[in-house]
Amino acid sequence: MIMPASLEMRLAEAAASGIRYTSETDAKGIACAWCTLARAEDLLPAAALLKAMDARLSTITVFQPKAPPAAAVAEGEEAPPAPTFLGGDVANDGSSYEIDYHFDLDGDTVTLVAHVPAGGAVDSLTPLFRGADWPEREMMEIYAVGVKDHPDPRRLFLDPGIEGAVLERLIPLSTLINSATTKGLWEKIMAQTGSPT
């Protein structure tokens, strides 16, 4: 399937605040499109458009982009403000999140990208795509990102008594890489709560 030529225009109409759109087709004819939303508030209307086009939500990924390197500032000059993502609502300073919603559209991939500040929130896609339920719950549990109007915001894995975004605070990358995640996490939790390990 070749991605509809009108997709960019239709997404721009659905996302009233604006989009940045790129697409490419590989040698086998598989098309991939990336649609970065200027504001996370446009996620639900853009996803509703894809639902109307019979797209299927494949997965949701979340990461925290690193801040760009600081520019050298001469003595007596002020540092420039932190750069922002498309739309300017969220600073590109290493504290915000990029949430990528990957959709299958007849064999092609369309990714909606929303940027959210730490402690911010996005609308739940679960009413449109039932498969968003667990990825959204996991996102709320692991990251400092909320999901508005989620039909079942209970924790999936961690005890409700453990503060949210625990994996970000307690597990350094080196621990994740050497596969000691669970042991390291529980040792830190027990140390914080004063429980014997």
C-alpha atoms as a PDB file:
ATOM      1  CA  MET A   1       0.000   0.000   0.000  1.00  0.00           C
ATOM      2  CA  ILE A   2       1.235   3.464  -0.757  1.00  0.00           C
ATOM      3  CA  MET A   3       0.455   5.932   2.010  1.00  0.00           C
ATOM      4  CA  PRO A   4      -2.399   8.281   1.026  1.00  0.00           C
ATOM      5  CA  ALA A   5      -1.055  11.464  -0.556  1.00  0.00           C
ATOM      6  CA  SER A   6      -3.579  13.444   1.482  1.00  0.00           C
ATOM      7  CA  LEU A   7      -2.297  12.147   4.845  1.00  0.00           C
ATOM      8  CA  GLU A   8      -0.107  15.154   5.624  1.00  0.00           C
ATOM      9  CA  MET A   9      -2.898  17.607   4.783  1.00  0.00           C
ATOM     10  CA  ARG A  10      -5.468  15.635   6.799  1.00  0.00           C
ATOM     11  CA  LEU A  11      -3.167  15.427   9.844  1.00  0.00           C
ATOM     12  CA  ALA A  12      -2.463  19.166   9.589  1.00  0.00           C
ATOM     13  CA  GLU A  13      -6.216  19.823   9.629  1.00  0.00           C
ATOM     14  CA  ALA A  14      -6.730  17.522  12.640  1.00  0.00           C
ATOM     15  CA  ALA A  15      -3.820  19.034  14.601  1.00  0.00           C
ATOM     16  CA  ALA A  16      -4.860  22.676  14.720  1.00  0.00           C
ATOM     17  CA  SER A  17      -1.649  23.866  16.437  1.00  0.00           C
ATOM     18  CA  GLY A  18       0.549  22.633  13.600  1.00  0.00           C
ATOM     19  CA  ILE A  19       2.694  19.662  12.647  1.00  0.00           C
ATOM     20  CA  ARG A  20       6.091  18.808  11.216  1.00  0.00           C
ATOM     21  CA  TYR A  21       5.673  15.931   8.766  1.00  0.00           C
ATOM     22  CA  THR A  22       8.232  13.734   7.051  1.00  0.00           C
ATOM     23  CA  SER A  23       7.820  10.504   5.116  1.00  0.00           C
ATOM     24  CA  GLU A  24       9.906   8.099   3.112  1.00  0.00           C
ATOM     25  CA  THR A  25       9.393   4.911   1.162  1.00  0.00           C
ATOM     26  CA  ASP A  26      12.023   2.174   1.172  1.00  0.00           C
ATOM     27  CA  ALA A  27      13.169   0.050  -1.781  1.00  0.00           C
ATOM     28  CA  LYS A  28      10.461  -2.525  -1.021  1.00  0.00           C
ATOM     29  CA  GLY A  29       7.692   0.069  -1.154  1.00  0.00           C
ATOM     30  CA  ILE A  30       7.093   0.273   2.614  1.00  0.00           C
ATOM     31  CA  ALA A  31       6.284   3.833   3.662  1.00  0.00           C
ATOM     32  CA  CYS A  32       6.980   5.409   7.042  1.00  0.00           C
ATOM     33  CA  ALA A  33       5.661   8.801   8.110  1.00  0.00           C
ATOM     34  CA  TRP A  34       6.522  10.843  11.205  1.00  0.00           C
ATOM     35  CA  CYS A  35       4.126  13.546  12.341  1.00  0.00           C
ATOM     36  CA  THR A  36       5.436  15.705  15.187  1.00  0.00           C
ATOM     37  CA  LEU A  37       2.620  17.600  16.882  1.00  0.00           C
ATOM     38  CA  ALA A  38       3.229  21.218  17.915  1.00  0.00           C
ATOM     39  CA  ARG A  39       1.124  20.603  21.030  1.00  0.00           C
ATOM     40  CA  ALA A  40       0.319  17.373  22.848  1.00  0.00           C
ATOM     41  CA  GLU A  41      -3.323  18.524  23.028  1.00  0.00           C
ATOM     42  CA  ASP A  42      -3.621  17.667  19.318  1.00  0.00           C
ATOM     43  CA  LEU A  43      -2.853  13.976  19.926  1.00  0.00           C
ATOM     44  CA  LEU A  44      -6.455  12.843  20.361  1.00  0.00           C
ATOM     45  CA  PRO A  45      -7.829  14.500  17.194  1.00  0.00           C
ATOM     46  CA  ALA A  46      -4.869  13.225  15.131  1.00  0.00           C
ATOM     47  CA  ALA A  47      -5.316   9.699  16.504  1.00  0.00           C
ATOM     48  CA  ALA A  48      -9.075   9.881  15.819  1.00  0.00           C
ATOM     49  CA  LEU A  49      -8.270  10.706  12.185  1.00  0.00           C
ATOM     50  CA  LEU A  50      -6.010   7.648  11.937  1.00  0.00           C
ATOM     51  CA  LYS A  51      -8.740   5.512  13.553  1.00  0.00           C
ATOM     52  CA  ALA A  52     -11.206   6.749  10.900  1.00  0.00           C
ATOM     53  CA  MET A  53      -8.669   5.637   8.274  1.00  0.00           C
ATOM     54  CA  ASP A  54      -8.672   2.116   9.834  1.00  0.00           C
ATOM     55  CA  ALA A  55      -5.181   2.486  11.297  1.00  0.00           C
ATOM     56  CA  ARG A  56      -4.195   0.194  14.138  1.00  0.00           C
ATOM     57  CA  LEU A  57      -2.107   1.279  17.147  1.00  0.00           C
ATOM     58  CA  SER A  58       0.997  -0.921  17.191  1.00  0.00           C
ATOM     59  CA  THR A  59       2.875   0.363  20.234  1.00  0.00           C
ATOM     60  CA  ILE A  60       3.780   3.424  22.286  1.00  0.00           C
ATOM     61  CA  THR A  61       7.361   4.360  23.126  1.00  0.00           C
ATOM     62  CA  VAL A  62       8.560   7.011  25.566  1.00  0.00           C
ATOM     63  CA  PHE A  63      11.990   8.499  26.048  1.00  0.00           C
ATOM     64  CA  GLN A  64      13.607  11.600  27.428  1.00  0.00           C
ATOM     65  CA  PRO A  65      15.745  13.336  24.767  1.00  0.00           C
ATOM     66  CA  LYS A  66      19.019  14.710  26.068  1.00  0.00           C
ATOM     67  CA  ALA A  67      19.491  18.460  26.129  1.00  0.00           C
ATOM     68  CA  PRO A  68      21.556  19.791  23.238  1.00  0.00           C
ATOM     69  CA  PRO A  69      25.095  20.849  24.145  1.00  0.00           C
ATOM     70  CA  ALA A  70      25.242  24.282  25.738  1.00  0.00           C
ATOM     71  CA  ALA A  71      26.528  27.061  23.518  1.00  0.00           C
ATOM     72  CA  ALA A  72      29.631  28.866  24.695  1.00  0.00           C
ATOM     73  CA  VAL A  73      28.736  32.263  26.126  1.00  0.00           C
ATOM     74  CA  ALA A  74      31.236  35.100  26.149  1.00  0.00           C
ATOM     75  CA  GLU A  75      31.830  36.876  29.441  1.00  0.00           C
ATOM     76  CA  GLY A  76      29.212  39.565  30.042  1.00  0.00           C
ATOM     77  CA  GLU A  77      26.674  38.019  27.627  1.00  0.00           C
ATOM     78  CA  GLU A  78      23.486  36.207  28.584  1.00  0.00           C
ATOM     79  CA  ALA A  79      22.994  32.569  27.690  1.00  0.00           C
ATOM     80  CA  PRO A  80      20.326  32.009  25.055  1.00  0.00           C
ATOM     81  CA  PRO A  81      17.054  30.465  26.275  1.00  0.00           C
ATOM     82  CA  ALA A  82      16.778  26.676  26.127  1.00  0.00           C
ATOM     83  CA  PRO A  83      15.673  25.544  22.663  1.00  0.00           C
ATOM     84  CA  THR A  84      12.103  24.308  22.368  1.00  0.00           C
ATOM     85  CA  PHE A  85      10.431  21.545  20.454  1.00  0.00           C
ATOM     86  CA  LEU A  86       8.056  22.342  17.593  1.00  0.00           C
ATOM     87  CA  GLY A  87       5.399  24.691  18.963  1.00  0.00           C
ATOM     88  CA  GLY A  88       7.501  26.095  21.775  1.00  0.00           C
ATOM     89  CA  ASP A  89       5.401  24.808  24.688  1.00  0.00           C
ATOM     90  CA  VAL A  90       7.963  22.301  25.938  1.00  0.00           C
ATOM     91  CA  ALA A  91      11.650  23.052  26.488  1.00  0.00           C
ATOM     92  CA  ASN A  92      14.264  20.849  24.862  1.00  0.00           C
ATOM     93  CA  ASP A  93      16.346  20.880  28.042  1.00  0.00           C
ATOM     94  CA  GLY A  94      16.585  17.183  28.888  1.00  0.00           C
ATOM     95  CA  SER A  95      13.653  17.213  31.326  1.00  0.00           C
ATOM     96  CA  SER A  96      10.812  16.716  28.827  1.00  0.00           C
ATOM     97  CA  TYR A  97       9.539  13.509  27.228  1.00  0.00           C
ATOM     98  CA  GLU A  98       8.953  12.430  23.661  1.00  0.00           C
ATOM     99  CA  ILE A  99       6.045  10.020  23.319  1.00  0.00           C
ATOM    100  CA  ASP A 100       5.828   8.171  19.997  1.00  0.00           C
ATOM    101  CA  TYR A 101       2.560   6.504  19.007  1.00  0.00           C
ATOM    102  CA  HIS A 102       3.248   3.999  16.212  1.00  0.00           C
ATOM    103  CA  PHE A 103       0.321   3.088  13.959  1.00  0.00           C
ATOM    104  CA  ASP A 104      -0.026   0.514  11.188  1.00  0.00           C
ATOM    105  CA  LEU A 105      -1.923   1.842   8.178  1.00  0.00           C
ATOM    106  CA  ASP A 106      -2.338  -1.055   5.736  1.00  0.00           C
ATOM    107  CA  GLY A 107       1.269  -2.179   6.160  1.00  0.00           C
ATOM    108  CA  ASP A 108       2.802   1.288   6.334  1.00  0.00           C
ATOM    109  CA  THR A 109       3.816   2.991   9.578  1.00  0.00           C
ATOM    110  CA  VAL A 110       2.612   6.372  10.795  1.00  0.00           C
ATOM    111  CA  THR A 111       4.113   7.727  14.015  1.00  0.00           C
ATOM    112  CA  LEU A 112       2.521  10.579  15.958  1.00  0.00           C
ATOM    113  CA  VAL A 113       5.072  12.359  18.158  1.00  0.00           C
ATOM    114  CA  ALA A 114       4.007  14.373  21.207  1.00  0.00           C
ATOM    115  CA  HIS A 115       6.355  16.262  23.543  1.00  0.00           C
ATOM    116  CA  VAL A 116       5.342  16.592  27.183  1.00  0.00           C
ATOM    117  CA  PRO A 117       7.110  18.317  30.088  1.00  0.00           C
ATOM    118  CA  ALA A 118       7.976  16.237  33.150  1.00  0.00           C
ATOM    119  CA  GLY A 119       4.811  16.077  35.244  1.00  0.00           C
ATOM    120  CA  GLY A 120       2.673  16.880  32.176  1.00  0.00           C
ATOM    121  CA  ALA A 121      -0.026  14.705  30.657  1.00  0.00           C
ATOM    122  CA  VAL A 122      -1.470  13.474  27.373  1.00  0.00           C
ATOM    123  CA  ASP A 123      -4.996  12.370  26.551  1.00  0.00           C
ATOM    124  CA  SER A 124      -5.712   8.653  26.720  1.00  0.00           C
ATOM    125  CA  LEU A 125      -6.091   6.872  23.387  1.00  0.00           C
ATOM    126  CA  THR A 126      -7.712   3.859  25.077  1.00  0.00           C
ATOM    127  CA  PRO A 127     -11.266   4.951  24.116  1.00  0.00           C
ATOM    128  CA  LEU A 128     -10.142   4.845  20.451  1.00  0.00           C
ATOM    129  CA  PHE A 129      -7.643   1.979  20.594  1.00  0.00           C
ATOM    130  CA  ARG A 130      -8.180  -0.636  23.299  1.00  0.00           C
ATOM    131  CA  GLY A 131      -4.563  -1.742  22.853  1.00  0.00           C
ATOM    132  CA  ALA A 132      -3.386   1.587  24.362  1.00  0.00           C
ATOM    133  CA  ASP A 133      -4.592   0.493  27.814  1.00  0.00           C
ATOM    134  CA  TRP A 134      -1.499  -1.243  29.195  1.00  0.00           C
ATOM    135  CA  PRO A 135       1.149   0.898  27.446  1.00  0.00           C
ATOM    136  CA  GLU A 136      -0.506   4.027  28.861  1.00  0.00           C
ATOM    137  CA  ARG A 137      -0.693   2.511  32.350  1.00  0.00           C
ATOM    138  CA  GLU A 138       2.954   1.518  32.111  1.00  0.00           C
ATOM    139  CA  MET A 139       3.857   5.042  30.967  1.00  0.00           C
ATOM    140  CA  MET A 140       2.121   6.543  34.020  1.00  0.00           C
ATOM    141  CA  GLU A 141       3.867   4.083  36.307  1.00  0.00           C
ATOM    142  CA  ILE A 142       7.409   4.362  34.995  1.00  0.00           C
ATOM    143  CA  TYR A 143       7.688   7.972  33.791  1.00  0.00           C
ATOM    144  CA  ALA A 144       6.696  11.354  35.182  1.00  0.00           C
ATOM    145  CA  VAL A 145       3.906  11.585  32.572  1.00  0.00           C
ATOM    146  CA  GLY A 146       0.177  11.459  33.239  1.00  0.00           C
ATOM    147  CA  VAL A 147      -2.572  10.135  30.974  1.00  0.00           C
ATOM    148  CA  LYS A 148      -5.811  12.113  31.164  1.00  0.00           C
ATOM    149  CA  ASP A 149      -9.135  10.278  31.225  1.00  0.00           C
ATOM    150  CA  HIS A 150      -7.634   6.794  31.233  1.00  0.00           C
ATOM    151  CA  PRO A 151     -10.450   4.332  32.001  1.00  0.00           C
ATOM    152  CA  ASP A 152      -8.347   2.218  34.400  1.00  0.00           C
ATOM    153  CA  PRO A 153      -5.308   4.104  35.766  1.00  0.00           C
ATOM    154  CA  ARG A 154      -4.325   1.424  38.292  1.00  0.00           C
ATOM    155  CA  ARG A 155      -0.684   0.367  38.515  1.00  0.00           C
ATOM    156  CA  LEU A 156       0.363  -2.651  36.478  1.00  0.00           C
ATOM    157  CA  PHE A 157       3.493  -3.822  38.279  1.00  0.00           C
ATOM    158  CA  LEU A 158       4.577  -1.570  41.130  1.00  0.00           C
ATOM    159  CA  ASP A 159       2.864  -1.330  44.498  1.00  0.00           C
ATOM    160  CA  PRO A 160       0.679   1.799  44.781  1.00  0.00           C
ATOM    161  CA  GLY A 161       2.714   2.844  47.832  1.00  0.00           C
ATOM    162  CA  ILE A 162       5.840   3.351  45.718  1.00  0.00           C
ATOM    163  CA  GLU A 163       6.172   6.860  44.325  1.00  0.00           C
ATOM    164  CA  GLY A 164       5.717   7.170  40.553  1.00  0.00           C
ATOM    165  CA  ALA A 165       8.565   7.389  38.025  1.00  0.00           C
ATOM    166  CA  VAL A 166      10.590   5.124  40.309  1.00  0.00           C
ATOM    167  CA  LEU A 167      12.635   3.568  37.531  1.00  0.00           C
ATOM    168  CA  GLU A 168      13.892   6.943  36.353  1.00  0.00           C
ATOM    169  CA  ARG A 169      15.122   7.917  39.789  1.00  0.00           C
ATOM    170  CA  LEU A 170      16.458   4.645  41.084  1.00  0.00           C
ATOM    171  CA  ILE A 171      18.050   2.737  38.233  1.00  0.00           C
ATOM    172  CA  PRO A 172      21.091   4.202  36.507  1.00  0.00           C
ATOM    173  CA  LEU A 173      21.803   3.170  32.921  1.00  0.00           C
ATOM    174  CA  SER A 174      24.805   1.096  34.046  1.00  0.00           C
ATOM    175  CA  THR A 175      22.496  -1.015  36.219  1.00  0.00           C
ATOM    176  CA  LEU A 176      20.089  -1.562  33.327  1.00  0.00           C
ATOM    177  CA  ILE A 177      22.910  -2.603  31.024  1.00  0.00           C
ATOM    178  CA  ASN A 178      24.363  -5.211  33.365  1.00  0.00           C
ATOM    179  CA  SER A 179      20.944  -6.840  33.910  1.00  0.00           C
ATOM    180  CA  ALA A 180      20.877  -6.148  37.644  1.00  0.00           C
ATOM    181  CA  THR A 181      17.739  -4.040  37.372  1.00  0.00           C
ATOM    182  CA  THR A 182      15.393  -5.873  39.718  1.00  0.00           C
ATOM    183  CA  LYS A 183      17.916  -6.484  42.472  1.00  0.00           C
ATOM    184  CA  GLY A 184      19.252  -2.918  42.319  1.00  0.00           C
ATOM    185  CA  LEU A 185      15.756  -1.436  42.302  1.00  0.00           C
ATOM    186  CA  TRP A 186      14.552  -3.402  45.326  1.00  0.00           C
ATOM    187  CA  GLU A 187      17.730  -2.706  47.286  1.00  0.00           C
ATOM    188  CA  LYS A 188      17.211   1.042  46.780  1.00  0.00           C
ATOM    189  CA  ILE A 189      13.511   0.883  47.626  1.00  0.00           C
ATOM    190  CA  MET A 190      14.193  -1.091  50.801  1.00  0.00           C
ATOM    191  CA  ALA A 191      16.942   1.349  51.793  1.00  0.00           C
ATOM    192  CA  GLN A 192      14.570   4.301  51.337  1.00  0.00           C
ATOM    193  CA  THR A 193      11.773   2.690  53.319  1.00  0.00           C
ATOM    194  CA  GLY A 194      14.087   1.465  56.058  1.00  0.00           C
ATOM    195  CA  SER A 195      13.122  -2.167  55.450  1.00  0.00           C
ATOM    196  CA  PRO A 196      15.749  -4.883  55.814  1.00  0.00           C
ATOM    197  CA  THR A 197      17.077  -6.121  52.469  1.00  0.00           C
END
